[in-house]
Amino acid sequence: MAGALPFSGATDPQMTLWLRHRDAVAPSLVALLALADAPPPAASVMSSAPAPISTMTWSIDMLTDDIATDDGWWLIRNVAEQIGQGYSSQAMTLWNARGRPIMASRQNVAVFG
């Protein structure tokens, strides 16, 4: 993991972490989207406690049709580019275990608290 942990009160709103499904699953777009949606928004590292959130928009760009990685691991980097007045805009990139970019996305999140 790089960057700060969620709810750590950090000042730099970004996190990079390795994720995989607990149980082995066949590579698929649905399985990949579930992992991409698993971490809290990057803005959460600036909070000291969890708060309700709601995704307002989420756009996803698949960078390849070859959704594969070694041993199930994926690297995800979330960066909050703008935070203010209860909203956060973030960018996310997801790579496979060999460092090949597989997905890029943008998300706008409402933060209640």
Protein backbone atom coordinates (compact mmCIF):
# COMPACT_ATOMS: atom_id res chain seq x y z
CA MET A 1 0.00 0.00 0.00
CA ALA A 2 1.11 3.56 -0.70
CA GLY A 3 -0.40 6.85 0.32
CA ALA A 4 -2.50 7.11 3.44
CA LEU A 5 -4.96 4.73 5.02
CA PRO A 6 -8.67 5.57 4.91
CA PHE A 7 -9.85 7.63 7.90
CA SER A 8 -6.26 8.41 8.98
CA GLY A 9 -6.61 12.21 8.91
CA ALA A 10 -3.90 12.55 6.25
CA THR A 11 -3.47 15.71 4.18
CA ASP A 12 -2.75 14.09 0.78
CA PRO A 13 -5.94 12.46 -0.57
CA GLN A 14 -4.57 9.46 -2.41
CA MET A 15 -4.13 5.76 -1.83
CA THR A 16 -2.62 2.88 -3.77
CA LEU A 17 -3.36 -0.69 -2.79
CA TRP A 18 -3.29 -4.26 -4.01
CA LEU A 19 -6.65 -6.04 -4.06
CA ARG A 20 -7.99 -9.42 -5.04
CA HIS A 21 -11.13 -11.42 -4.42
CA ARG A 22 -10.91 -13.66 -1.36
CA ASP A 23 -12.13 -16.65 -3.37
CA ALA A 24 -10.70 -17.39 -6.78
CA VAL A 25 -12.97 -16.05 -9.50
CA ALA A 26 -12.74 -16.20 -13.26
CA PRO A 27 -11.53 -12.89 -14.70
CA SER A 28 -14.52 -10.87 -15.86
CA LEU A 29 -15.66 -7.30 -16.16
CA VAL A 30 -18.12 -7.77 -13.28
CA ALA A 31 -15.42 -9.15 -10.96
CA LEU A 32 -13.10 -6.28 -11.90
CA LEU A 33 -15.77 -3.64 -11.26
CA ALA A 34 -16.52 -5.16 -7.86
CA LEU A 35 -12.86 -4.73 -6.88
CA ALA A 36 -12.70 -1.21 -8.29
CA ASP A 37 -15.71 -0.27 -6.17
CA ALA A 38 -14.34 -1.88 -2.99
CA PRO A 39 -12.04 0.83 -1.58
CA PRO A 40 -13.53 3.96 -0.06
CA PRO A 41 -13.03 7.19 -2.01
CA ALA A 42 -9.56 8.73 -1.89
CA ALA A 43 -11.01 11.70 0.03
CA SER A 44 -11.63 9.33 2.96
CA VAL A 45 -7.96 9.48 3.94
CA MET A 46 -8.51 13.08 5.08
CA SER A 47 -11.26 12.06 7.53
CA SER A 48 -10.65 10.65 10.97
CA ALA A 49 -13.85 8.55 11.02
CA PRO A 50 -16.15 6.91 8.45
CA ALA A 51 -19.02 9.00 7.09
CA PRO A 52 -21.86 8.18 4.70
CA ILE A 53 -21.03 8.65 1.01
CA SER A 54 -22.90 8.35 -2.26
CA THR A 55 -21.51 7.99 -5.74
CA MET A 56 -23.01 10.63 -8.01
CA THR A 57 -21.23 9.67 -11.24
CA TRP A 58 -18.79 6.94 -12.20
CA SER A 59 -17.32 6.67 -15.69
CA ILE A 60 -15.16 3.73 -16.64
CA ASP A 61 -12.77 3.36 -19.55
CA MET A 62 -11.54 -0.14 -20.30
CA LEU A 63 -8.04 0.10 -21.73
CA THR A 64 -7.93 -3.47 -23.04
CA ASP A 65 -10.25 -6.37 -23.67
CA ASP A 66 -7.75 -8.74 -22.03
CA ILE A 67 -8.94 -8.74 -18.41
CA ALA A 68 -6.28 -10.96 -16.88
CA THR A 69 -3.74 -10.85 -14.07
CA ASP A 70 -1.39 -13.24 -12.32
CA ASP A 71 -2.76 -14.96 -9.21
CA GLY A 72 -5.79 -12.64 -8.93
CA TRP A 73 -3.97 -9.48 -7.73
CA TRP A 74 -4.78 -5.98 -9.05
CA LEU A 75 -3.15 -2.65 -8.20
CA ILE A 76 -5.55 0.29 -7.72
CA ARG A 77 -4.56 3.94 -7.31
CA ASN A 78 -7.22 6.47 -6.23
CA VAL A 79 -6.50 10.19 -6.20
CA ALA A 80 -8.98 12.86 -5.08
CA GLU A 81 -8.37 15.77 -7.44
CA GLN A 82 -10.87 18.17 -5.90
CA ILE A 83 -12.54 18.13 -2.49
CA GLY A 84 -14.91 20.75 -1.14
CA GLN A 85 -18.41 21.58 0.05
CA GLY A 86 -19.33 17.93 0.57
CA TYR A 87 -18.13 16.68 -2.82
CA SER A 88 -15.06 14.88 -4.11
CA SER A 89 -13.90 14.25 -7.65
CA GLN A 90 -11.43 11.42 -8.04
CA ALA A 91 -9.47 9.52 -10.66
CA MET A 92 -8.64 5.83 -10.43
CA THR A 93 -6.33 3.58 -12.43
CA LEU A 94 -6.24 -0.20 -12.14
CA TRP A 95 -3.29 -2.32 -13.31
CA ASN A 96 -2.78 -6.05 -13.48
CA ALA A 97 0.05 -7.76 -11.58
CA ARG A 98 2.44 -7.27 -14.49
CA GLY A 99 1.94 -3.49 -14.45
CA ARG A 100 -0.30 -3.28 -17.49
CA PRO A 101 -3.08 -0.67 -17.18
CA ILE A 102 -6.47 -2.33 -17.53
CA MET A 103 -9.00 0.30 -16.47
CA ALA A 104 -9.18 4.05 -15.84
CA SER A 105 -12.15 5.76 -14.22
CA ARG A 106 -13.49 9.01 -12.81
CA GLN A 107 -15.92 9.29 -9.93
CA ASN A 108 -17.78 12.13 -8.25
CA VAL A 109 -18.82 11.41 -4.68
CA ALA A 110 -21.06 13.21 -2.18
CA VAL A 111 -19.67 13.01 1.36
CA PHE A 112 -22.19 13.42 4.21
CA GLY A 113 -20.21 14.28 7.28
